[in-house]
Protein backbone atom coordinates (compact mmCIF):
# COMPACT_ATOMS: atom_id res chain seq x y z
CA MET A 1 5.41 56.60 23.69
CA PRO A 2 2.02 56.54 25.35
CA GLY A 3 0.76 57.50 21.87
CA ALA A 4 2.47 54.46 20.22
CA THR A 5 0.88 51.97 23.00
CA GLY A 6 -2.26 53.82 22.10
CA GLY A 7 -1.96 53.14 18.82
CA GLN A 8 -1.06 49.42 19.27
CA SER A 9 -3.76 49.10 21.71
CA VAL A 10 -6.44 50.52 19.52
CA GLY A 11 -4.45 48.45 16.27
CA GLY A 12 -5.15 45.36 18.51
CA ALA A 13 -8.77 46.19 19.38
CA ARG A 14 -9.30 46.88 15.46
CA MET A 15 -7.80 43.56 14.55
CA GLY A 16 -10.26 41.79 17.24
CA THR A 17 -12.92 43.52 15.95
CA ASP A 18 -12.16 42.60 12.37
CA ALA A 19 -12.11 38.83 13.42
CA GLU A 20 -15.17 39.09 15.20
CA GLY A 21 -17.13 40.72 12.41
CA ALA A 22 -15.91 38.06 9.79
CA LEU A 23 -17.09 35.54 12.27
CA ARG A 24 -20.14 37.31 13.10
CA ALA A 25 -20.83 37.19 9.15
CA VAL A 26 -19.66 33.65 8.41
CA ARG A 27 -22.23 32.80 11.38
CA SER A 28 -24.96 34.28 9.55
CA LEU A 29 -24.46 32.63 7.05
CA VAL A 30 -24.08 29.46 8.09
CA GLU A 31 -27.75 30.14 10.38
CA LEU A 32 -29.14 30.83 6.99
CA ASP A 33 -28.14 27.47 5.39
CA GLU A 34 -25.66 29.44 2.91
CA THR A 35 -22.84 27.02 3.51
CA ASP A 36 -20.79 27.78 0.37
CA GLU A 37 -21.65 31.32 0.70
CA ALA A 38 -19.87 31.27 4.01
CA ALA A 39 -16.98 29.00 2.61
CA GLN A 40 -16.28 31.66 -0.41
CA LEU A 41 -16.06 34.41 2.42
CA TYR A 42 -13.88 32.49 4.51
CA GLU A 43 -11.75 31.99 1.36
CA GLU A 44 -11.56 35.63 0.31
CA LEU A 45 -10.24 36.79 3.82
CA GLY A 46 -6.30 36.95 4.26
CA ALA A 47 -4.32 34.23 6.49
CA SER A 48 -4.09 36.42 9.48
CA GLN A 49 -7.70 36.87 9.43
CA ARG A 50 -8.75 33.07 8.94
CA GLU A 51 -6.42 32.49 11.93
CA ARG A 52 -7.92 35.20 14.08
CA LEU A 53 -11.31 33.76 13.01
CA ARG A 54 -10.57 30.30 13.92
CA LYS A 55 -9.27 31.02 17.23
CA GLN A 56 -12.68 33.29 17.89
CA ALA A 57 -14.82 30.35 16.62
CA ALA A 58 -12.66 27.89 19.05
CA GLN A 59 -13.93 29.46 22.11
CA GLY A 60 -17.42 28.96 20.78
CA PRO A 61 -20.08 26.33 21.66
CA VAL A 62 -19.73 22.64 20.08
CA LYS A 63 -22.85 23.33 18.15
CA GLU A 64 -21.34 26.30 16.36
CA ARG A 65 -18.53 25.03 16.00
CA ARG A 66 -19.24 22.14 13.90
CA GLY A 67 -21.46 24.20 11.41
CA LEU A 68 -17.93 26.27 10.94
CA VAL A 69 -16.14 23.07 10.76
CA GLU A 70 -18.45 22.09 7.26
CA VAL A 71 -17.54 26.08 6.00
CA LEU A 72 -14.04 25.36 6.75
CA ARG A 73 -13.95 22.06 4.92
CA ARG A 74 -15.26 23.39 2.01
CA ALA A 75 -13.22 25.89 1.76
CA ARG A 76 -10.58 22.93 2.04
CA ASP A 77 -9.09 24.19 4.92
CA PHE A 78 -9.13 20.64 6.27
CA LEU A 79 -6.44 21.40 9.25
CA GLY A 80 -8.33 24.54 10.27
CA ALA A 81 -11.50 22.19 10.03
CA ALA A 82 -9.55 19.53 12.29
CA ARG A 83 -8.48 21.47 14.89
CA LEU A 84 -12.22 23.01 15.23
CA MET A 85 -13.42 19.56 15.77
CA ASP A 86 -11.02 18.88 18.72
CA GLY A 87 -12.85 18.31 21.70
CA SER A 88 -16.52 17.98 19.84
CA GLY A 89 -16.73 14.56 21.07
CA ASP A 90 -16.62 13.40 17.33
CA ASP A 91 -12.79 12.35 17.56
CA ALA A 92 -13.35 10.04 14.18
CA ALA A 93 -14.37 13.44 12.20
CA ALA A 94 -11.24 14.99 13.45
CA ALA A 95 -9.09 12.12 12.41
CA ASP A 96 -10.75 11.95 8.95
CA LEU A 97 -9.81 15.93 8.37
CA TYR A 98 -7.09 15.62 9.91
CA GLY A 99 -5.67 12.92 7.50
CA GLN A 100 -7.08 15.20 4.38
CA SER A 101 -4.87 17.82 5.73
CA GLY A 102 -1.60 15.28 5.69
CA GLN A 103 -1.48 15.45 9.64
CA TYR A 104 -1.07 11.89 9.87
CA MET A 105 0.07 11.92 13.39
CA GLU A 106 -2.84 14.26 14.44
CA ALA A 107 -4.97 11.97 12.55
CA ALA A 108 -3.55 8.71 14.25
CA GLU A 109 -4.07 10.08 18.02
CA ALA A 110 -7.67 11.07 16.99
CA TRP A 111 -8.26 7.50 15.61
CA LEU A 112 -6.86 6.09 18.94
CA ARG A 113 -9.26 8.42 20.70
CA ALA A 114 -12.27 7.05 18.44
CA GLY A 115 -11.35 3.82 19.12
CA ASP A 116 -10.65 2.79 15.76
CA SER A 117 -7.00 1.50 16.68
CA GLU A 118 -6.56 0.08 12.95
CA ARG A 119 -7.22 2.99 11.25
CA ALA A 120 -4.90 4.78 13.64
CA ALA A 121 -1.96 2.32 12.58
CA ALA A 122 -2.51 2.88 9.16
CA ALA A 123 -2.20 6.70 10.00
CA PHE A 124 1.11 6.20 12.00
CA GLU A 125 2.70 3.89 9.10
CA ARG A 126 1.48 6.76 6.52
CA GLY A 127 3.37 9.43 8.62
CA GLY A 128 6.32 7.39 9.19
CA ALA A 129 5.95 6.48 12.98
CA LEU A 130 6.56 2.96 12.37
CA GLU A 131 7.35 2.36 15.50
CA ARG A 132 4.02 3.41 16.76
CA ALA A 133 2.34 1.70 14.00
CA LEU A 134 4.18 -1.56 15.02
CA GLU A 135 3.01 -1.51 18.55
CA VAL A 136 -0.67 -0.75 17.72
CA TYR A 137 -0.82 -3.44 14.93
CA ARG A 138 0.92 -5.63 17.68
CA GLY A 139 -1.94 -4.99 20.06
CA LEU A 140 -4.56 -5.78 17.21
CA GLY A 141 -2.84 -8.98 16.45
CA ALA A 142 -2.45 -7.70 12.76
CA ARG A 143 0.46 -9.50 12.07
CA GLU A 144 0.69 -9.16 8.08
CA SER A 145 1.05 -5.15 9.09
CA MET A 146 3.40 -5.72 11.45
CA ALA A 147 5.63 -7.81 9.13
CA GLN A 148 5.46 -4.89 6.88
CA CYS A 149 6.43 -2.19 9.35
CA LEU A 150 9.08 -4.28 9.95
CA VAL A 151 10.25 -4.30 6.34
CA ARG A 152 9.97 -0.78 6.54
CA LEU A 153 12.27 -0.49 9.75
CA LYS A 154 14.82 -2.76 8.07
CA ARG A 155 14.27 -5.27 10.79
CA LEU A 156 14.26 -7.79 8.24
CA PHE A 157 14.50 -11.15 9.96
CA ASP A 158 12.10 -10.24 12.28
CA ALA A 159 9.57 -9.65 9.53
CA ALA A 160 10.64 -12.52 7.60
CA ASP A 161 9.91 -14.83 10.79
CA LEU A 162 6.50 -13.07 10.55
CA TYR A 163 6.22 -14.24 7.35
CA ARG A 164 7.24 -17.71 8.11
CA GLU A 165 4.47 -17.79 10.47
CA LEU A 166 2.25 -16.75 8.15
CA GLY A 167 2.79 -19.15 5.71
CA GLN A 168 4.03 -16.49 3.13
CA PRO A 169 7.21 -17.60 1.38
CA HIS A 170 7.60 -15.31 -1.22
CA ALA A 171 7.14 -12.20 1.17
CA GLU A 172 9.50 -14.07 3.48
CA VAL A 173 11.96 -14.13 0.47
CA GLU A 174 11.39 -10.64 -0.18
CA ALA A 175 12.35 -9.82 3.19
CA LEU A 176 15.43 -11.53 3.55
CA GLY A 177 16.39 -10.25 0.09
CA GLY A 178 16.53 -6.72 1.67
CA VAL A 179 19.51 -8.09 3.83
CA THR A 180 22.98 -6.36 2.71
CA PRO A 181 26.28 -7.97 2.02
CA GLU A 182 27.51 -5.83 5.17
CA ASP A 183 25.26 -7.51 7.69
CA PRO A 184 26.37 -10.01 9.75
CA ARG A 185 23.80 -12.45 9.31
CA TYR A 186 24.11 -11.95 5.52
CA ILE A 187 24.86 -15.76 4.64
CA GLU A 188 22.02 -17.14 6.60
CA ALA A 189 19.77 -14.67 4.44
CA VAL A 190 21.02 -15.85 1.46
CA LEU A 191 21.09 -19.72 2.60
CA ARG A 192 17.33 -19.34 4.22
CA MET A 193 16.31 -17.39 0.54
CA CYS A 194 17.64 -20.22 -1.40
CA ARG A 195 16.00 -23.11 0.58
CA LEU A 196 12.42 -21.58 0.22
CA LEU A 197 12.95 -20.90 -3.17
CA ASP A 198 14.00 -24.13 -3.86
CA VAL A 199 10.86 -25.71 -2.01
CA GLU A 200 8.56 -23.08 -3.95
CA GLY A 201 9.64 -24.52 -7.29
CA PHE A 202 12.43 -21.86 -8.26
CA THR A 203 15.66 -23.78 -8.11
CA HIS A 204 17.09 -21.68 -10.94
CA ARG A 205 16.08 -18.49 -9.12
CA ALA A 206 17.87 -19.70 -5.67
CA LEU A 207 20.96 -20.55 -7.63
CA ALA A 208 21.06 -17.28 -9.22
CA VAL A 209 20.55 -15.56 -5.84
CA LEU A 210 23.43 -17.94 -4.63
CA VAL A 211 25.87 -16.92 -7.26
CA ASP A 212 25.00 -13.12 -7.32
CA ALA A 213 25.94 -13.56 -3.14
CA LEU A 214 29.35 -15.18 -4.20
CA ALA A 215 29.92 -12.61 -6.77
CA SER A 216 29.28 -9.53 -4.18
CA SER A 217 31.14 -10.80 -0.90
CA GLU A 218 34.15 -12.06 0.02
CA VAL A 219 33.01 -13.57 3.15
CA ALA A 220 30.46 -15.54 1.65
CA ARG A 221 33.00 -16.68 -0.99
CA ALA A 222 34.87 -18.08 1.84
CA GLU A 223 32.10 -20.00 3.52
CA PRO A 224 31.87 -23.76 2.90
CA ALA A 225 27.88 -23.73 3.61
CA MET A 226 27.59 -21.41 0.31
CA VAL A 227 29.73 -23.94 -1.90
CA THR A 228 27.75 -26.94 -0.47
CA GLU A 229 24.34 -25.32 -1.28
CA ARG A 230 25.56 -24.26 -4.68
CA ALA A 231 26.21 -28.09 -5.21
CA ARG A 232 22.83 -29.27 -3.71
CA LEU A 233 20.83 -26.94 -6.11
CA LEU A 234 22.94 -27.89 -9.16
CA ARG A 235 22.09 -31.59 -8.31
CA ARG A 236 18.57 -30.35 -8.07
CA MET A 237 18.88 -29.09 -11.53
CA GLY A 238 20.33 -32.54 -12.83
CA MET A 239 23.69 -30.93 -13.20
CA ASN A 240 25.31 -33.48 -11.45
CA ALA A 241 28.97 -33.15 -13.06
CA GLU A 242 28.89 -29.43 -12.44
CA ALA A 243 27.82 -29.97 -9.09
CA GLU A 244 30.66 -32.26 -8.54
CA ALA A 245 32.76 -29.67 -10.43
CA VAL A 246 31.85 -26.91 -8.21
CA LEU A 247 32.82 -28.59 -4.86
CA GLY A 248 36.68 -28.62 -6.20
CA ARG A 249 36.69 -24.93 -7.95
CA ARG A 250 34.42 -21.66 -7.48
CA ASN A 251 34.17 -20.53 -10.96
CA ALA A 252 31.40 -22.79 -12.13
CA ALA A 253 28.51 -21.76 -14.75
CA ILE A 254 26.18 -19.28 -13.36
CA ALA A 255 22.78 -20.09 -13.70
CA THR A 256 20.17 -17.56 -14.94
CA PRO A 257 16.70 -17.23 -13.13
CA VAL A 258 13.60 -17.58 -14.49
CA ALA A 259 10.45 -15.38 -14.53
CA ASN A 260 7.92 -15.68 -11.51
CA GLY A 261 5.04 -13.59 -9.96
CA TYR A 262 7.30 -10.46 -9.12
CA ARG A 263 8.11 -9.65 -12.58
CA PHE A 264 4.33 -10.63 -13.95
CA LEU A 265 3.01 -8.02 -11.28
CA LYS A 266 5.57 -5.62 -12.48
CA ALA A 267 4.74 -6.12 -16.27
CA ILE A 268 1.04 -4.54 -15.53
CA PRO A 269 0.27 -1.59 -16.89
CA ILE A 270 -1.21 0.27 -13.71
CA PHE A 271 1.97 -0.79 -11.73
CA SER A 272 4.47 0.54 -14.35
CA GLU A 273 5.68 3.73 -12.96
CA LEU A 274 6.11 2.47 -9.22
CA GLY A 275 9.78 2.63 -7.56
CA LEU A 276 11.46 -0.61 -6.75
CA GLU A 277 10.60 -0.30 -3.11
CA ASP A 278 6.79 0.63 -3.70
CA MET A 279 6.74 -2.19 -5.78
CA LYS A 280 8.50 -4.67 -3.57
CA ASP A 281 5.56 -3.33 -0.72
CA LEU A 282 2.83 -4.46 -3.26
CA TYR A 283 4.33 -7.81 -4.03
CA ARG A 284 4.42 -8.60 -0.26
CA GLN A 285 0.77 -7.99 -0.34
CA ALA A 286 0.22 -11.03 -2.57
CA ARG A 287 -1.02 -14.47 -1.56
CA GLN A 288 -0.09 -17.51 -3.86
CA VAL A 289 -3.68 -19.59 -4.36
CA VAL A 290 -3.92 -22.86 -6.15
CA LEU A 291 -7.03 -23.43 -8.00
CA ALA A 292 -7.67 -27.20 -9.50
CA GLN A 293 -8.74 -28.21 -12.85
CA GLY A 294 -12.18 -26.95 -13.76
CA ALA A 295 -12.47 -24.57 -10.94
CA VAL A 296 -14.53 -21.36 -11.23
CA VAL A 297 -11.72 -18.53 -11.22
CA LEU A 298 -14.26 -15.55 -11.62
CA GLU A 299 -17.73 -16.08 -11.62
CA LYS A 300 -20.10 -13.49 -13.90
CA GLY A 301 -22.21 -11.31 -11.63
CA GLU A 302 -20.50 -11.78 -8.71
CA PRO A 303 -18.67 -9.08 -6.80
CA GLY A 304 -14.65 -8.92 -8.02
CA VAL A 305 -12.54 -10.51 -5.53
CA GLY A 306 -9.38 -8.51 -6.44
CA LEU A 307 -6.50 -8.82 -8.54
CA LEU A 308 -5.21 -12.43 -9.83
CA VAL A 309 -1.63 -12.67 -11.48
CA LEU A 310 -1.30 -16.22 -13.41
CA LEU A 311 1.72 -18.15 -12.52
CA GLU A 312 1.35 -21.52 -14.05
CA GLY A 313 -1.43 -23.31 -15.63
CA THR A 314 -4.35 -21.97 -18.26
CA VAL A 315 -7.95 -20.73 -17.72
CA ASP A 316 -10.69 -20.09 -20.20
CA VAL A 317 -12.86 -16.92 -20.52
CA PHE A 318 -16.58 -17.07 -21.58
CA SER A 319 -19.33 -14.80 -21.76
CA GLY A 320 -21.50 -16.51 -19.04
CA PRO A 321 -21.43 -19.50 -16.75
CA ASP A 322 -23.99 -21.61 -19.02
CA ALA A 323 -22.66 -24.65 -20.80
CA ASP A 324 -23.39 -23.01 -24.45
CA ALA A 325 -21.61 -20.02 -23.77
CA ARG A 326 -19.31 -18.16 -26.22
CA GLN A 327 -15.60 -18.81 -25.17
CA LEU A 328 -13.91 -15.45 -25.44
CA ASN A 329 -10.28 -15.81 -24.72
CA SER A 330 -7.80 -18.42 -23.30
CA LEU A 331 -4.94 -17.10 -20.79
CA GLY A 332 -1.56 -18.57 -19.44
CA PRO A 333 1.24 -17.43 -17.40
CA GLY A 334 1.81 -13.56 -16.71
CA ALA A 335 -1.83 -12.73 -17.61
CA TYR A 336 -4.28 -11.40 -14.99
CA LEU A 337 -7.96 -10.59 -14.24
CA GLY A 338 -10.00 -8.40 -12.33
CA GLU A 339 -7.76 -5.49 -12.02
CA ILE A 340 -10.72 -3.01 -12.28
CA SER A 341 -11.91 -4.89 -8.90
CA LEU A 342 -9.05 -3.54 -7.19
CA VAL A 343 -10.25 0.10 -7.54
CA GLN A 344 -13.78 0.19 -8.62
CA ASP A 345 -16.85 -1.63 -6.95
CA GLY A 346 -18.76 -3.90 -9.41
CA PRO A 347 -19.89 -7.21 -10.60
CA VAL A 348 -17.34 -9.35 -12.58
CA SER A 349 -18.00 -9.12 -16.71
CA ALA A 350 -16.92 -12.52 -17.84
CA HIS A 351 -17.12 -16.26 -16.61
CA VAL A 352 -13.70 -17.58 -16.00
CA ARG A 353 -13.05 -21.65 -15.38
CA ALA A 354 -9.56 -23.24 -14.92
CA ARG A 355 -8.70 -25.17 -17.90
CA THR A 356 -5.75 -26.85 -16.32
CA ALA A 357 -4.58 -26.56 -12.47
CA VAL A 358 -3.69 -23.07 -11.86
CA ARG A 359 -1.02 -21.43 -8.87
CA ALA A 360 -1.67 -17.69 -8.98
CA LEU A 361 -1.13 -14.52 -7.16
CA ARG A 362 -3.91 -12.78 -5.50
CA ILE A 363 -4.33 -9.26 -4.18
CA SER A 364 -7.21 -8.77 -2.58
CA ARG A 365 -9.46 -5.19 -2.59
CA ALA A 366 -8.56 -4.82 1.14
CA ALA A 367 -4.97 -5.78 1.03
CA PHE A 368 -4.71 -2.97 -1.65
CA GLU A 369 -6.56 -0.53 0.11
CA HIS A 370 -4.21 -1.06 2.76
CA TYR A 371 -1.26 -0.63 0.36
CA LEU A 372 -2.91 2.89 -1.14
CA ASP A 373 -3.20 4.17 2.64
CA THR A 374 0.31 3.68 3.33
CA HIS A 375 1.69 4.63 -0.05
CA GLU A 376 0.58 7.95 -1.29
CA ALA A 377 3.05 8.78 -4.17
CA ALA A 378 2.54 5.22 -5.77
CA ALA A 379 -1.49 5.43 -4.67
CA LEU A 380 -1.50 8.60 -7.37
CA ARG A 381 0.38 7.06 -10.19
CA ILE A 382 -1.54 3.67 -9.86
CA TYR A 383 -4.99 5.95 -10.01
CA ARG A 384 -3.59 8.05 -12.81
CA LEU A 385 -2.37 4.90 -14.74
CA PHE A 386 -5.77 3.36 -14.11
CA THR A 387 -7.87 6.12 -15.35
CA GLN A 388 -5.63 6.27 -18.43
CA ASN A 389 -5.96 2.64 -19.09
CA LEU A 390 -10.00 2.78 -18.71
CA ALA A 391 -10.39 5.64 -21.16
CA GLU A 392 -7.96 3.44 -23.89
CA ARG A 393 -10.30 0.95 -23.52
CA VAL A 394 -13.43 2.58 -23.87
CA ARG A 395 -12.20 4.41 -26.75
CA ALA A 396 -11.30 1.04 -28.26
CA LEU A 397 -14.69 -0.50 -27.68
CA SER A 398 -16.30 2.76 -29.51
CA ALA A 399 -13.67 2.66 -32.46
């Protein structure tokens, strides 16, 4: 037994010596400004050696730890680097490293310590701590982000109420659309969606929503208010005879929905691989804008303003702003502009004016960046498709 105990002590001392020796070697390379060589040495160590080295380094002075942080960062040990940064006084750097390592909860707490509540909330949201994210967003007064969290928490009526306060009817409809037939407030949600869609000019779609609800829910079929709403929508569409008939019987002809901004957005190539929930979340980032006839939609040479998807009206695309500029194209409903500015900074390459009054959906660069920060898998798909599409454009121009 004494021999075994002695062997263990010697082994423990040897392991400690190995870690100290590796740490000294790494320190020496850092002092010589040989950071890449230090990172390579760190990468070549075994997992247990790297762990002991980090523990040794954590006991050192802050200045020395910061030098080692850069070594670990270059070796892509972001979590180890983040933990070394803890307590160094640079919580923002630690938060960024935690984020790169995928430890979003630790990143969020570090952002809070750094005083950046907005990034903390986004990290909580990305890490799935939606209640914490909601709490921080509420403190910031960031009502749009609050609404998005409420949707993900399935607090759909709360989200819809916030979107109504924000004047975003399409997002309000999308939130209410998540209410299931099993919800006690399902009929309330359907009727509210129908009225919103009707006011926004989508009466056909409102009727389709209502008919679908009647088909999927016995409770809805037994609700007099649903029949009354169906007749009202039919009258709004000029179908007075059908409206009268539906009040006496429940199997009136089913209307079909018309194309809307969601379908146009979904058809854009860089969003073609997004799943349903990711696509719905992206749609909620969009804002409706109305432009008068003759208005400048995009000004050549100015910074891009984000993505614009045309819903109604026509725009003309010119080579420049001058009166004699060459007209390059005319675009109508379903066309989109500015998708490159969502991902890359740069000036607008053409001048675009509204030939008629235009109604469109706009997703700003800031809103899109927030979406990417909170939808990691979707972001990877979008970036990959963006790169492919850009390469195809370059090949087409070179042909």
